[in-house]
Amino acid sequence: MSNPERAADTPYSVNVTMGKTYYWCACGKSKKQPFCDGSHSGSEFTPFAFEAKETKTLFFCGCKETKTQPLCDGSHNQ
């Protein structure tokens, strides 16, 4: 498996809405970070579907190295 492109060195702060599904970009190529715009087409990557369990602010991974997809786990600091 190839490595994703690093989209950012910090997480993206996003206000999510309970019950809504968000599609996190796993390849790092999307122009609509942290979410998918279809730029992964033709690659081995697929977006990660995330359904918000509550309305609140979450931090979506920008470095694409998180072990807790799609949320930041601090991997960008390593």
N, C-alpha and C. Protein backbone atom coordinates (compact mmCIF):
# COMPACT_ATOMS: atom_id res chain seq x y z
N MET A 1 0.84 -1.18 0.00
CA MET A 1 0.00 0.00 0.00
C MET A 1 0.88 1.24 0.00
N SER A 2 0.54 2.20 -0.82
CA SER A 2 1.31 3.44 -0.86
C SER A 2 0.89 4.35 0.29
N ASN A 3 1.70 5.35 0.54
CA ASN A 3 1.43 6.28 1.63
C ASN A 3 0.57 7.43 1.13
N PRO A 4 -0.31 7.94 1.99
CA PRO A 4 -1.11 9.09 1.61
C PRO A 4 -0.24 10.35 1.58
N GLU A 5 -0.72 11.36 0.88
CA GLU A 5 -0.04 12.67 0.91
C GLU A 5 -0.41 13.37 2.20
N ARG A 6 0.56 14.06 2.78
CA ARG A 6 0.32 14.83 4.00
C ARG A 6 -0.37 16.12 3.59
N ALA A 7 -1.62 16.28 3.98
CA ALA A 7 -2.40 17.45 3.60
C ALA A 7 -2.11 18.66 4.49
N ALA A 8 -1.80 18.40 5.76
CA ALA A 8 -1.55 19.49 6.71
C ALA A 8 -0.70 18.97 7.86
N ASP A 9 -0.06 19.89 8.55
CA ASP A 9 0.75 19.55 9.71
C ASP A 9 -0.02 19.67 11.02
N THR A 10 -1.28 20.04 10.92
CA THR A 10 -2.15 20.18 12.09
C THR A 10 -3.52 19.62 11.75
N PRO A 11 -4.33 19.33 12.77
CA PRO A 11 -5.68 18.83 12.49
C PRO A 11 -6.62 19.94 12.02
N TYR A 12 -7.73 19.54 11.44
CA TYR A 12 -8.77 20.46 10.99
C TYR A 12 -9.88 20.47 12.03
N SER A 13 -10.21 21.65 12.54
CA SER A 13 -11.31 21.81 13.48
C SER A 13 -12.61 21.90 12.69
N VAL A 14 -13.56 21.01 12.99
CA VAL A 14 -14.81 20.95 12.24
C VAL A 14 -15.98 20.86 13.21
N ASN A 15 -16.97 21.71 13.00
CA ASN A 15 -18.22 21.62 13.76
C ASN A 15 -19.11 20.60 13.07
N VAL A 16 -19.30 19.43 13.69
CA VAL A 16 -20.11 18.37 13.09
C VAL A 16 -21.52 18.40 13.66
N THR A 17 -22.46 17.84 12.90
CA THR A 17 -23.86 17.81 13.29
C THR A 17 -24.29 16.37 13.53
N MET A 18 -24.92 16.11 14.66
CA MET A 18 -25.37 14.78 15.02
C MET A 18 -26.19 14.15 13.88
N GLY A 19 -25.85 12.90 13.55
CA GLY A 19 -26.58 12.16 12.53
C GLY A 19 -26.08 12.36 11.11
N LYS A 20 -25.24 13.36 10.89
CA LYS A 20 -24.71 13.61 9.55
C LYS A 20 -23.47 12.74 9.31
N THR A 21 -23.33 12.26 8.07
CA THR A 21 -22.15 11.46 7.72
C THR A 21 -21.16 12.33 6.96
N TYR A 22 -19.91 12.24 7.37
CA TYR A 22 -18.81 12.99 6.76
C TYR A 22 -17.85 11.99 6.13
N TYR A 23 -17.29 12.34 4.99
CA TYR A 23 -16.37 11.45 4.29
C TYR A 23 -14.98 12.06 4.32
N TRP A 24 -14.16 11.54 5.24
CA TRP A 24 -12.80 12.03 5.46
C TRP A 24 -11.88 11.57 4.34
N CYS A 25 -11.09 12.46 3.82
CA CYS A 25 -10.12 12.15 2.77
C CYS A 25 -8.98 11.35 3.37
N ALA A 26 -8.76 10.14 2.84
CA ALA A 26 -7.68 9.28 3.32
C ALA A 26 -6.43 9.39 2.46
N CYS A 27 -6.57 9.90 1.23
CA CYS A 27 -5.42 9.95 0.31
C CYS A 27 -4.58 11.21 0.48
N GLY A 28 -5.19 12.29 0.98
CA GLY A 28 -4.49 13.55 1.16
C GLY A 28 -4.51 14.47 -0.05
N LYS A 29 -5.15 14.06 -1.14
CA LYS A 29 -5.15 14.84 -2.38
C LYS A 29 -6.34 15.78 -2.53
N SER A 30 -7.37 15.62 -1.73
CA SER A 30 -8.58 16.42 -1.85
C SER A 30 -8.30 17.92 -1.70
N LYS A 31 -8.97 18.71 -2.49
CA LYS A 31 -8.87 20.17 -2.38
C LYS A 31 -9.87 20.70 -1.34
N LYS A 32 -10.70 19.81 -0.78
CA LYS A 32 -11.72 20.18 0.21
C LYS A 32 -11.38 19.57 1.56
N GLN A 33 -10.11 19.55 1.93
CA GLN A 33 -9.65 18.95 3.19
C GLN A 33 -10.46 19.48 4.37
N PRO A 34 -10.77 18.63 5.33
CA PRO A 34 -10.31 17.26 5.48
C PRO A 34 -11.22 16.24 4.80
N PHE A 35 -12.13 16.71 3.97
CA PHE A 35 -13.12 15.82 3.38
C PHE A 35 -12.81 15.47 1.92
N CYS A 36 -13.39 14.38 1.48
CA CYS A 36 -13.14 13.83 0.15
C CYS A 36 -13.80 14.66 -0.95
N ASP A 37 -13.08 14.83 -2.06
CA ASP A 37 -13.65 15.45 -3.27
C ASP A 37 -13.53 14.52 -4.48
N GLY A 38 -13.16 13.26 -4.23
CA GLY A 38 -13.02 12.29 -5.30
C GLY A 38 -11.64 12.21 -5.92
N SER A 39 -10.68 12.94 -5.39
CA SER A 39 -9.33 12.96 -5.94
C SER A 39 -8.62 11.61 -5.84
N HIS A 40 -9.13 10.71 -5.02
CA HIS A 40 -8.53 9.38 -4.85
C HIS A 40 -8.84 8.46 -6.03
N SER A 41 -9.72 8.87 -6.91
CA SER A 41 -10.15 8.02 -8.02
C SER A 41 -8.96 7.42 -8.77
N GLY A 42 -9.00 6.11 -8.96
CA GLY A 42 -7.92 5.42 -9.64
C GLY A 42 -6.78 4.99 -8.72
N SER A 43 -6.90 5.29 -7.43
CA SER A 43 -5.87 4.89 -6.46
C SER A 43 -6.43 3.80 -5.56
N GLU A 44 -5.62 3.34 -4.64
CA GLU A 44 -6.05 2.31 -3.70
C GLU A 44 -6.78 2.89 -2.49
N PHE A 45 -6.87 4.21 -2.41
CA PHE A 45 -7.49 4.87 -1.27
C PHE A 45 -8.99 5.04 -1.47
N THR A 46 -9.72 5.00 -0.35
CA THR A 46 -11.14 5.31 -0.34
C THR A 46 -11.41 6.21 0.86
N PRO A 47 -12.42 7.06 0.78
CA PRO A 47 -12.72 7.93 1.92
C PRO A 47 -13.25 7.12 3.10
N PHE A 48 -13.10 7.67 4.28
CA PHE A 48 -13.57 7.04 5.50
C PHE A 48 -14.88 7.70 5.90
N ALA A 49 -15.96 6.90 5.97
CA ALA A 49 -17.27 7.43 6.37
C ALA A 49 -17.34 7.55 7.89
N PHE A 50 -17.72 8.72 8.35
CA PHE A 50 -17.81 9.00 9.78
C PHE A 50 -19.16 9.61 10.08
N GLU A 51 -19.96 8.97 10.93
CA GLU A 51 -21.26 9.52 11.33
C GLU A 51 -21.12 10.17 12.70
N ALA A 52 -21.48 11.44 12.77
CA ALA A 52 -21.39 12.19 14.03
C ALA A 52 -22.45 11.69 15.00
N LYS A 53 -22.02 11.33 16.19
CA LYS A 53 -22.93 10.83 17.24
C LYS A 53 -23.54 11.97 18.04
N GLU A 54 -22.93 13.15 17.94
CA GLU A 54 -23.45 14.34 18.61
C GLU A 54 -22.97 15.58 17.87
N THR A 55 -23.62 16.68 18.13
CA THR A 55 -23.22 17.95 17.54
C THR A 55 -22.14 18.56 18.42
N LYS A 56 -20.96 18.76 17.83
CA LYS A 56 -19.85 19.33 18.59
C LYS A 56 -18.67 19.59 17.65
N THR A 57 -17.60 20.14 18.19
CA THR A 57 -16.38 20.39 17.42
C THR A 57 -15.45 19.18 17.57
N LEU A 58 -14.98 18.68 16.42
CA LEU A 58 -14.03 17.57 16.40
C LEU A 58 -12.80 17.98 15.60
N PHE A 59 -11.72 17.27 15.81
CA PHE A 59 -10.47 17.57 15.11
C PHE A 59 -10.13 16.41 14.18
N PHE A 60 -10.31 16.65 12.87
CA PHE A 60 -10.04 15.65 11.85
C PHE A 60 -8.57 15.70 11.46
N CYS A 61 -7.98 14.53 11.29
CA CYS A 61 -6.56 14.40 10.97
C CYS A 61 -6.22 15.08 9.65
N GLY A 62 -5.12 15.81 9.64
CA GLY A 62 -4.63 16.45 8.41
C GLY A 62 -3.38 15.79 7.87
N CYS A 63 -2.63 15.11 8.76
CA CYS A 63 -1.38 14.48 8.32
C CYS A 63 -1.61 13.12 7.67
N LYS A 64 -2.79 12.55 7.89
CA LYS A 64 -3.21 11.25 7.32
C LYS A 64 -2.47 10.06 7.92
N GLU A 65 -1.81 10.26 9.06
CA GLU A 65 -1.06 9.19 9.73
C GLU A 65 -1.76 8.70 11.00
N THR A 66 -2.92 9.25 11.32
CA THR A 66 -3.62 8.88 12.55
C THR A 66 -3.95 7.40 12.61
N LYS A 67 -3.94 6.86 13.80
CA LYS A 67 -4.35 5.48 14.03
C LYS A 67 -5.83 5.41 14.42
N THR A 68 -6.44 6.59 14.60
CA THR A 68 -7.85 6.69 15.01
C THR A 68 -8.66 7.39 13.94
N GLN A 69 -8.57 6.91 12.72
CA GLN A 69 -9.26 7.55 11.58
C GLN A 69 -10.72 7.80 11.89
N PRO A 70 -11.24 8.95 11.59
CA PRO A 70 -10.62 10.05 10.89
C PRO A 70 -10.11 11.15 11.82
N LEU A 71 -10.16 10.89 13.11
CA LEU A 71 -9.84 11.93 14.08
C LEU A 71 -8.34 11.96 14.41
N CYS A 72 -7.86 13.13 14.74
CA CYS A 72 -6.45 13.34 15.07
C CYS A 72 -6.08 12.60 16.35
N ASP A 73 -4.93 11.93 16.31
CA ASP A 73 -4.39 11.27 17.51
C ASP A 73 -3.02 11.83 17.89
N GLY A 74 -2.64 12.95 17.28
CA GLY A 74 -1.36 13.57 17.58
C GLY A 74 -0.20 13.07 16.75
N SER A 75 -0.46 12.21 15.78
CA SER A 75 0.60 11.65 14.94
C SER A 75 1.41 12.72 14.22
N HIS A 76 0.82 13.87 13.96
CA HIS A 76 1.53 14.95 13.27
C HIS A 76 2.70 15.50 14.08
N ASN A 77 2.71 15.21 15.38
CA ASN A 77 3.80 15.67 16.25
C ASN A 77 5.02 14.76 16.24
N GLN A 78 4.93 13.63 15.59
CA GLN A 78 6.04 12.66 15.58
C GLN A 78 6.91 12.81 14.36
